[in-house]
Amino acid sequence: MADKIFDVMVPKEKQIQIKNGKRKVIEAKIFQGYALVEMKLTDETWYIVRNTPGVTGFVGTGTEPTPVSDSEISKIKKRMGVEDPKHHIDFETGEVVSITDGPFKGFDGAISEIDTQKGKIKVMVSMFGRDTPVELDALQVRKV
């Protein structure tokens, strides 16, 4: 079937996950639960892919799968080829955190912004009776 089924791709990208104060680069699936198959659509190839263990169905209306355009595939491949991993920060906006490192060590504050590109968190810390924004690395804070 190599002349009819050309390529099978599970789109993944590298992300930086910060958990328990440790940085780790992981490969995360872009489209959870989906695989992209490049093939000539015949009854025989459709039967083989459809009866592969783990395949539950195709995206599309009716009985035949919907093809993905070449421009969309190139966007997905471009996203997969990006070498700068994205930060996966295990915090949410509004969450109260404690600062564990740096000049503001020991202060508590609420997260006002999360920058996943840089891995930075902006925390509103109460100093001298007013809230002051402090930009910190995601490793410098922990959940309260």
N, C-alpha and C. Protein backbone atom coordinates (compact mmCIF):
# COMPACT_ATOMS: atom_id res chain seq x y z
N MET A 1 0.81 -1.21 0.00
CA MET A 1 0.00 0.00 0.00
C MET A 1 0.85 1.27 0.00
N ALA A 2 2.18 1.13 -0.08
CA ALA A 2 3.06 2.29 -0.05
C ALA A 2 2.84 3.21 -1.25
N ASP A 3 2.29 2.69 -2.33
CA ASP A 3 2.03 3.54 -3.49
C ASP A 3 0.71 4.31 -3.36
N LYS A 4 -0.10 4.00 -2.32
CA LYS A 4 -1.37 4.68 -2.13
C LYS A 4 -1.45 5.45 -0.80
N ILE A 5 -0.76 4.97 0.24
CA ILE A 5 -0.71 5.67 1.52
C ILE A 5 0.71 6.21 1.66
N PHE A 6 0.85 7.54 1.61
CA PHE A 6 2.17 8.16 1.53
C PHE A 6 2.76 8.56 2.87
N ASP A 7 1.94 9.13 3.76
CA ASP A 7 2.48 9.69 5.00
C ASP A 7 1.41 9.67 6.09
N VAL A 8 1.84 9.38 7.31
CA VAL A 8 0.98 9.46 8.49
C VAL A 8 1.70 10.36 9.48
N MET A 9 0.98 11.38 9.99
CA MET A 9 1.62 12.36 10.84
C MET A 9 0.75 12.63 12.07
N VAL A 10 1.38 12.63 13.25
CA VAL A 10 0.74 13.06 14.48
C VAL A 10 1.40 14.38 14.85
N PRO A 11 0.72 15.51 14.64
CA PRO A 11 1.33 16.81 14.87
C PRO A 11 1.66 17.04 16.35
N LYS A 12 2.95 17.35 16.62
CA LYS A 12 3.43 17.61 17.98
C LYS A 12 4.30 18.85 17.96
N GLU A 13 4.38 19.52 19.10
CA GLU A 13 5.27 20.66 19.26
C GLU A 13 5.93 20.60 20.62
N LYS A 14 7.10 21.21 20.73
CA LYS A 14 7.81 21.22 22.00
C LYS A 14 7.28 22.34 22.87
N GLN A 15 7.07 22.02 24.16
CA GLN A 15 6.62 23.00 25.14
C GLN A 15 7.48 22.87 26.38
N ILE A 16 7.63 23.98 27.09
CA ILE A 16 8.33 23.95 28.37
C ILE A 16 7.26 23.88 29.44
N GLN A 17 7.30 22.82 30.24
CA GLN A 17 6.33 22.65 31.30
C GLN A 17 7.03 22.93 32.62
N ILE A 18 6.40 23.77 33.45
CA ILE A 18 6.96 24.08 34.76
C ILE A 18 6.03 23.49 35.80
N LYS A 19 6.54 22.52 36.55
CA LYS A 19 5.76 21.86 37.56
C LYS A 19 6.65 21.59 38.75
N ASN A 20 6.16 21.92 39.93
CA ASN A 20 6.92 21.74 41.18
C ASN A 20 8.26 22.45 41.13
N GLY A 21 8.30 23.60 40.48
CA GLY A 21 9.52 24.40 40.42
C GLY A 21 10.59 23.89 39.48
N LYS A 22 10.27 22.92 38.65
CA LYS A 22 11.26 22.37 37.72
C LYS A 22 10.79 22.59 36.29
N ARG A 23 11.74 22.93 35.43
CA ARG A 23 11.48 23.12 34.01
C ARG A 23 11.74 21.82 33.27
N LYS A 24 10.82 21.49 32.35
CA LYS A 24 10.98 20.27 31.59
C LYS A 24 10.44 20.51 30.19
N VAL A 25 11.20 20.10 29.16
CA VAL A 25 10.74 20.21 27.77
C VAL A 25 9.99 18.94 27.42
N ILE A 26 8.73 19.11 26.99
CA ILE A 26 7.90 17.96 26.62
C ILE A 26 7.41 18.15 25.19
N GLU A 27 7.01 17.06 24.57
CA GLU A 27 6.37 17.13 23.26
C GLU A 27 4.88 16.96 23.48
N ALA A 28 4.12 17.98 23.13
CA ALA A 28 2.67 17.95 23.29
C ALA A 28 2.01 17.86 21.93
N LYS A 29 0.94 17.08 21.86
CA LYS A 29 0.20 16.94 20.61
C LYS A 29 -0.57 18.23 20.33
N ILE A 30 -0.51 18.69 19.09
CA ILE A 30 -1.21 19.91 18.70
C ILE A 30 -2.71 19.64 18.62
N PHE A 31 -3.09 18.56 17.97
CA PHE A 31 -4.49 18.16 17.85
C PHE A 31 -4.65 16.83 18.58
N GLN A 32 -5.07 16.91 19.83
CA GLN A 32 -5.20 15.72 20.68
C GLN A 32 -6.17 14.72 20.05
N GLY A 33 -5.71 13.49 19.84
CA GLY A 33 -6.57 12.44 19.33
C GLY A 33 -6.68 12.36 17.82
N TYR A 34 -5.88 13.17 17.09
CA TYR A 34 -5.97 13.19 15.64
C TYR A 34 -4.65 12.77 15.01
N ALA A 35 -4.75 12.09 13.89
CA ALA A 35 -3.60 11.75 13.05
C ALA A 35 -3.95 12.19 11.63
N LEU A 36 -2.98 12.72 10.93
CA LEU A 36 -3.19 13.16 9.55
C LEU A 36 -2.59 12.12 8.61
N VAL A 37 -3.37 11.70 7.63
CA VAL A 37 -2.93 10.67 6.71
C VAL A 37 -2.96 11.24 5.29
N GLU A 38 -1.82 11.14 4.60
CA GLU A 38 -1.76 11.54 3.19
C GLU A 38 -1.87 10.27 2.36
N MET A 39 -2.96 10.21 1.56
CA MET A 39 -3.20 8.99 0.78
C MET A 39 -4.09 9.29 -0.41
N LYS A 40 -4.06 8.37 -1.36
CA LYS A 40 -5.03 8.39 -2.44
C LYS A 40 -6.28 7.72 -1.90
N LEU A 41 -7.41 8.40 -1.96
CA LEU A 41 -8.63 7.86 -1.38
C LEU A 41 -9.29 6.87 -2.34
N THR A 42 -9.15 5.60 -1.99
CA THR A 42 -9.85 4.54 -2.71
C THR A 42 -10.59 3.72 -1.66
N ASP A 43 -11.46 2.84 -2.12
CA ASP A 43 -12.19 1.99 -1.17
C ASP A 43 -11.22 1.14 -0.35
N GLU A 44 -10.16 0.68 -1.00
CA GLU A 44 -9.18 -0.19 -0.34
C GLU A 44 -8.40 0.56 0.74
N THR A 45 -7.88 1.77 0.44
CA THR A 45 -7.11 2.54 1.43
C THR A 45 -8.01 3.03 2.55
N TRP A 46 -9.23 3.43 2.20
CA TRP A 46 -10.16 3.89 3.21
C TRP A 46 -10.50 2.76 4.17
N TYR A 47 -10.66 1.55 3.68
CA TYR A 47 -10.96 0.39 4.51
C TYR A 47 -9.78 0.08 5.45
N ILE A 48 -8.55 0.15 4.92
CA ILE A 48 -7.37 -0.15 5.75
C ILE A 48 -7.23 0.85 6.89
N VAL A 49 -7.33 2.14 6.58
CA VAL A 49 -7.18 3.16 7.62
C VAL A 49 -8.33 3.09 8.61
N ARG A 50 -9.53 2.92 8.12
CA ARG A 50 -10.72 2.88 8.99
C ARG A 50 -10.67 1.68 9.95
N ASN A 51 -10.08 0.58 9.55
CA ASN A 51 -10.01 -0.62 10.38
C ASN A 51 -8.69 -0.76 11.14
N THR A 52 -7.90 0.29 11.18
CA THR A 52 -6.68 0.31 11.98
C THR A 52 -7.08 0.42 13.45
N PRO A 53 -6.47 -0.38 14.33
CA PRO A 53 -6.82 -0.29 15.76
C PRO A 53 -6.60 1.12 16.30
N GLY A 54 -7.59 1.64 17.01
CA GLY A 54 -7.50 2.97 17.58
C GLY A 54 -8.17 4.05 16.74
N VAL A 55 -8.44 3.76 15.47
CA VAL A 55 -9.10 4.73 14.61
C VAL A 55 -10.60 4.57 14.80
N THR A 56 -11.26 5.66 15.21
CA THR A 56 -12.70 5.59 15.46
C THR A 56 -13.51 6.22 14.35
N GLY A 57 -12.89 7.08 13.56
CA GLY A 57 -13.64 7.71 12.48
C GLY A 57 -12.81 8.74 11.75
N PHE A 58 -13.45 9.41 10.82
CA PHE A 58 -12.81 10.44 10.02
C PHE A 58 -13.51 11.76 10.26
N VAL A 59 -12.78 12.85 10.02
CA VAL A 59 -13.39 14.17 10.09
C VAL A 59 -14.04 14.44 8.74
N GLY A 60 -15.29 14.83 8.77
CA GLY A 60 -15.98 15.13 7.53
C GLY A 60 -17.45 14.82 7.66
N THR A 61 -18.19 15.26 6.67
CA THR A 61 -19.62 14.97 6.66
C THR A 61 -19.88 13.85 5.66
N GLY A 62 -20.85 13.07 5.95
CA GLY A 62 -21.18 11.99 5.03
C GLY A 62 -20.28 10.79 5.22
N THR A 63 -20.05 10.08 4.13
CA THR A 63 -19.31 8.83 4.22
C THR A 63 -17.83 8.96 3.90
N GLU A 64 -17.41 10.07 3.31
CA GLU A 64 -16.00 10.22 2.93
C GLU A 64 -15.32 11.30 3.79
N PRO A 65 -14.02 11.12 4.09
CA PRO A 65 -13.30 12.12 4.88
C PRO A 65 -13.08 13.41 4.09
N THR A 66 -12.97 14.51 4.83
CA THR A 66 -12.71 15.81 4.21
C THR A 66 -11.21 16.03 4.07
N PRO A 67 -10.72 16.36 2.88
CA PRO A 67 -9.28 16.59 2.73
C PRO A 67 -8.86 17.91 3.37
N VAL A 68 -7.63 17.93 3.87
CA VAL A 68 -7.03 19.13 4.45
C VAL A 68 -6.20 19.78 3.34
N SER A 69 -6.31 21.11 3.22
CA SER A 69 -5.61 21.80 2.13
C SER A 69 -4.09 21.79 2.38
N ASP A 70 -3.34 21.96 1.29
CA ASP A 70 -1.88 21.99 1.38
C ASP A 70 -1.39 23.17 2.23
N SER A 71 -2.11 24.30 2.17
CA SER A 71 -1.70 25.46 2.97
C SER A 71 -1.86 25.18 4.47
N GLU A 72 -2.93 24.47 4.84
CA GLU A 72 -3.11 24.12 6.25
C GLU A 72 -2.05 23.13 6.72
N ILE A 73 -1.71 22.17 5.87
CA ILE A 73 -0.66 21.21 6.21
C ILE A 73 0.68 21.91 6.37
N SER A 74 0.97 22.88 5.51
CA SER A 74 2.24 23.60 5.63
C SER A 74 2.28 24.43 6.91
N LYS A 75 1.14 24.99 7.33
CA LYS A 75 1.08 25.73 8.60
C LYS A 75 1.35 24.79 9.78
N ILE A 76 0.77 23.60 9.74
CA ILE A 76 0.97 22.62 10.81
C ILE A 76 2.43 22.19 10.86
N LYS A 77 3.02 21.90 9.69
CA LYS A 77 4.43 21.49 9.66
C LYS A 77 5.35 22.61 10.12
N LYS A 78 4.99 23.86 9.79
CA LYS A 78 5.78 25.01 10.24
C LYS A 78 5.71 25.11 11.76
N ARG A 79 4.53 24.92 12.31
CA ARG A 79 4.37 24.96 13.78
C ARG A 79 5.14 23.82 14.45
N MET A 80 5.19 22.67 13.81
CA MET A 80 5.94 21.54 14.37
C MET A 80 7.44 21.78 14.30
N GLY A 81 7.89 22.54 13.31
CA GLY A 81 9.32 22.75 13.11
C GLY A 81 9.91 23.86 13.95
N VAL A 82 9.08 24.59 14.68
CA VAL A 82 9.59 25.69 15.49
C VAL A 82 10.43 25.11 16.62
N GLU A 83 11.66 25.60 16.75
CA GLU A 83 12.59 25.06 17.74
C GLU A 83 12.45 25.71 19.12
N ASP A 84 11.94 26.96 19.19
CA ASP A 84 11.77 27.60 20.48
C ASP A 84 10.56 27.01 21.17
N PRO A 85 10.77 26.25 22.23
CA PRO A 85 9.62 25.64 22.90
C PRO A 85 8.79 26.70 23.62
N LYS A 86 7.50 26.46 23.68
CA LYS A 86 6.60 27.36 24.39
C LYS A 86 6.55 26.91 25.85
N HIS A 87 6.36 27.88 26.73
CA HIS A 87 6.27 27.58 28.16
C HIS A 87 4.86 27.11 28.49
N HIS A 88 4.78 26.04 29.24
CA HIS A 88 3.50 25.56 29.75
C HIS A 88 3.52 25.83 31.24
N ILE A 89 2.81 26.88 31.66
CA ILE A 89 2.84 27.32 33.05
C ILE A 89 1.60 26.80 33.75
N ASP A 90 1.83 26.18 34.91
CA ASP A 90 0.76 25.52 35.65
C ASP A 90 0.08 26.47 36.63
N PHE A 91 -0.14 27.72 36.23
CA PHE A 91 -0.81 28.72 37.06
C PHE A 91 -1.93 29.35 36.25
N GLU A 92 -2.86 30.01 36.95
CA GLU A 92 -3.96 30.71 36.29
C GLU A 92 -4.01 32.15 36.77
N THR A 93 -4.55 33.03 35.95
CA THR A 93 -4.72 34.43 36.32
C THR A 93 -5.67 34.51 37.52
N GLY A 94 -5.29 35.32 38.51
CA GLY A 94 -6.10 35.49 39.71
C GLY A 94 -5.71 34.56 40.85
N GLU A 95 -4.88 33.58 40.57
CA GLU A 95 -4.46 32.61 41.58
C GLU A 95 -3.46 33.27 42.54
N VAL A 96 -3.57 32.95 43.83
CA VAL A 96 -2.67 33.50 44.83
C VAL A 96 -1.43 32.61 44.92
N VAL A 97 -0.25 33.24 44.84
CA VAL A 97 1.01 32.51 44.88
C VAL A 97 1.94 33.13 45.92
N SER A 98 2.93 32.37 46.31
CA SER A 98 3.96 32.84 47.23
C SER A 98 5.27 32.92 46.47
N ILE A 99 6.00 34.02 46.65
CA ILE A 99 7.27 34.22 45.95
C ILE A 99 8.36 33.52 46.75
N THR A 100 9.12 32.64 46.08
CA THR A 100 10.12 31.81 46.75
C THR A 100 11.55 32.22 46.48
N ASP A 101 11.77 33.18 45.57
CA ASP A 101 13.13 33.53 45.19
C ASP A 101 13.18 34.99 44.75
N GLY A 102 14.31 35.61 44.92
CA GLY A 102 14.51 36.98 44.47
C GLY A 102 14.28 37.99 45.58
N PRO A 103 14.29 39.27 45.24
CA PRO A 103 14.17 40.33 46.25
C PRO A 103 12.80 40.37 46.95
N PHE A 104 11.79 39.77 46.37
CA PHE A 104 10.46 39.78 46.97
C PHE A 104 10.13 38.45 47.65
N LYS A 105 11.15 37.69 48.01
CA LYS A 105 10.97 36.38 48.64
C LYS A 105 10.16 36.54 49.93
N GLY A 106 9.17 35.67 50.11
CA GLY A 106 8.33 35.71 51.30
C GLY A 106 7.03 36.47 51.11
N PHE A 107 6.91 37.24 50.03
CA PHE A 107 5.67 37.97 49.75
C PHE A 107 4.66 37.06 49.07
N ASP A 108 3.39 37.35 49.28
CA ASP A 108 2.30 36.66 48.58
C ASP A 108 1.62 37.66 47.67
N GLY A 109 1.03 37.17 46.59
CA GLY A 109 0.32 38.05 45.68
C GLY A 109 -0.55 37.27 44.72
N ALA A 110 -1.37 37.99 43.98
CA ALA A 110 -2.26 37.37 42.99
C ALA A 110 -1.68 37.58 41.60
N ILE A 111 -1.79 36.55 40.78
CA ILE A 111 -1.28 36.62 39.41
C ILE A 111 -2.20 37.50 38.58
N SER A 112 -1.62 38.52 37.91
CA SER A 112 -2.43 39.40 37.06
C SER A 112 -2.23 39.11 35.57
N GLU A 113 -1.03 38.64 35.20
CA GLU A 113 -0.75 38.32 33.79
C GLU A 113 0.17 37.12 33.71
N ILE A 114 0.03 36.36 32.62
CA ILE A 114 0.92 35.23 32.35
C ILE A 114 1.43 35.36 30.93
N ASP A 115 2.76 35.39 30.75
CA ASP A 115 3.38 35.48 29.43
C ASP A 115 3.99 34.11 29.11
N THR A 116 3.26 33.31 28.31
CA THR A 116 3.75 31.96 28.01
C THR A 116 4.93 31.96 27.06
N GLN A 117 5.11 33.02 26.27
CA GLN A 117 6.24 33.09 25.35
C GLN A 117 7.56 33.19 26.10
N LYS A 118 7.58 34.01 27.16
CA LYS A 118 8.82 34.25 27.91
C LYS A 118 8.91 33.44 29.20
N GLY A 119 7.79 32.83 29.63
CA GLY A 119 7.79 32.08 30.87
C GLY A 119 7.75 32.99 32.09
N LYS A 120 7.19 34.17 31.92
CA LYS A 120 7.12 35.16 32.99
C LYS A 120 5.70 35.28 33.52
N ILE A 121 5.62 35.65 34.81
CA ILE A 121 4.35 35.85 35.48
C ILE A 121 4.39 37.22 36.14
N LYS A 122 3.31 38.00 35.99
CA LYS A 122 3.21 39.28 36.67
C LYS A 122 2.31 39.10 37.89
N VAL A 123 2.87 39.39 39.08
CA VAL A 123 2.17 39.19 40.35
C VAL A 123 1.93 40.55 41.00
N MET A 124 0.72 40.75 41.48
CA MET A 124 0.39 41.99 42.21
C MET A 124 0.70 41.76 43.68
N VAL A 125 1.76 42.43 44.18
CA VAL A 125 2.22 42.28 45.56
C VAL A 125 1.82 43.52 46.34
N SER A 126 1.27 43.33 47.54
CA SER A 126 0.86 44.45 48.38
C SER A 126 2.06 44.93 49.18
N MET A 127 2.52 46.17 48.84
CA MET A 127 3.65 46.78 49.55
C MET A 127 3.25 48.20 49.93
N PHE A 128 3.47 48.55 51.18
CA PHE A 128 3.19 49.89 51.69
C PHE A 128 1.73 50.29 51.44
N GLY A 129 0.82 49.33 51.51
CA GLY A 129 -0.60 49.62 51.38
C GLY A 129 -1.13 49.71 49.97
N ARG A 130 -0.30 49.45 48.97
CA ARG A 130 -0.78 49.46 47.58
C ARG A 130 -0.27 48.23 46.83
N ASP A 131 -1.04 47.86 45.82
CA ASP A 131 -0.65 46.73 44.98
C ASP A 131 0.37 47.19 43.96
N THR A 132 1.49 46.46 43.90
CA THR A 132 2.57 46.78 42.99
C THR A 132 2.81 45.59 42.07
N PRO A 133 2.83 45.80 40.73
CA PRO A 133 3.10 44.67 39.83
C PRO A 133 4.58 44.30 39.85
N VAL A 134 4.84 42.99 39.98
CA VAL A 134 6.20 42.46 39.99
C VAL A 134 6.28 41.37 38.94
N GLU A 135 7.24 41.50 37.99
CA GLU A 135 7.40 40.47 36.96
C GLU A 135 8.42 39.45 37.44
N LEU A 136 8.02 38.18 37.44
CA LEU A 136 8.85 37.10 37.96
C LEU A 136 8.92 35.97 36.96
N ASP A 137 9.96 35.16 37.09
CA ASP A 137 10.06 33.92 36.32
C ASP A 137 9.11 32.92 36.98
N ALA A 138 8.55 32.02 36.19
CA ALA A 138 7.59 31.05 36.72
C ALA A 138 8.21 30.13 37.77
N LEU A 139 9.54 30.02 37.80
CA LEU A 139 10.20 29.19 38.81
C LEU A 139 10.32 29.90 40.15
N GLN A 140 10.07 31.20 40.20
CA GLN A 140 10.22 31.96 41.42
C GLN A 140 8.97 31.98 42.30
N VAL A 141 7.91 31.33 41.87
CA VAL A 141 6.68 31.33 42.65
C VAL A 141 6.18 29.90 42.84
N ARG A 142 5.35 29.74 43.88
CA ARG A 142 4.68 28.46 44.11
C ARG A 142 3.27 28.73 44.60
N LYS A 143 2.40 27.75 44.41
CA LYS A 143 1.00 27.91 44.82
C LYS A 143 0.90 27.96 46.33
N VAL A 144 -0.06 28.75 46.82
CA VAL A 144 -0.28 28.86 48.27
C VAL A 144 -1.25 27.79 48.70
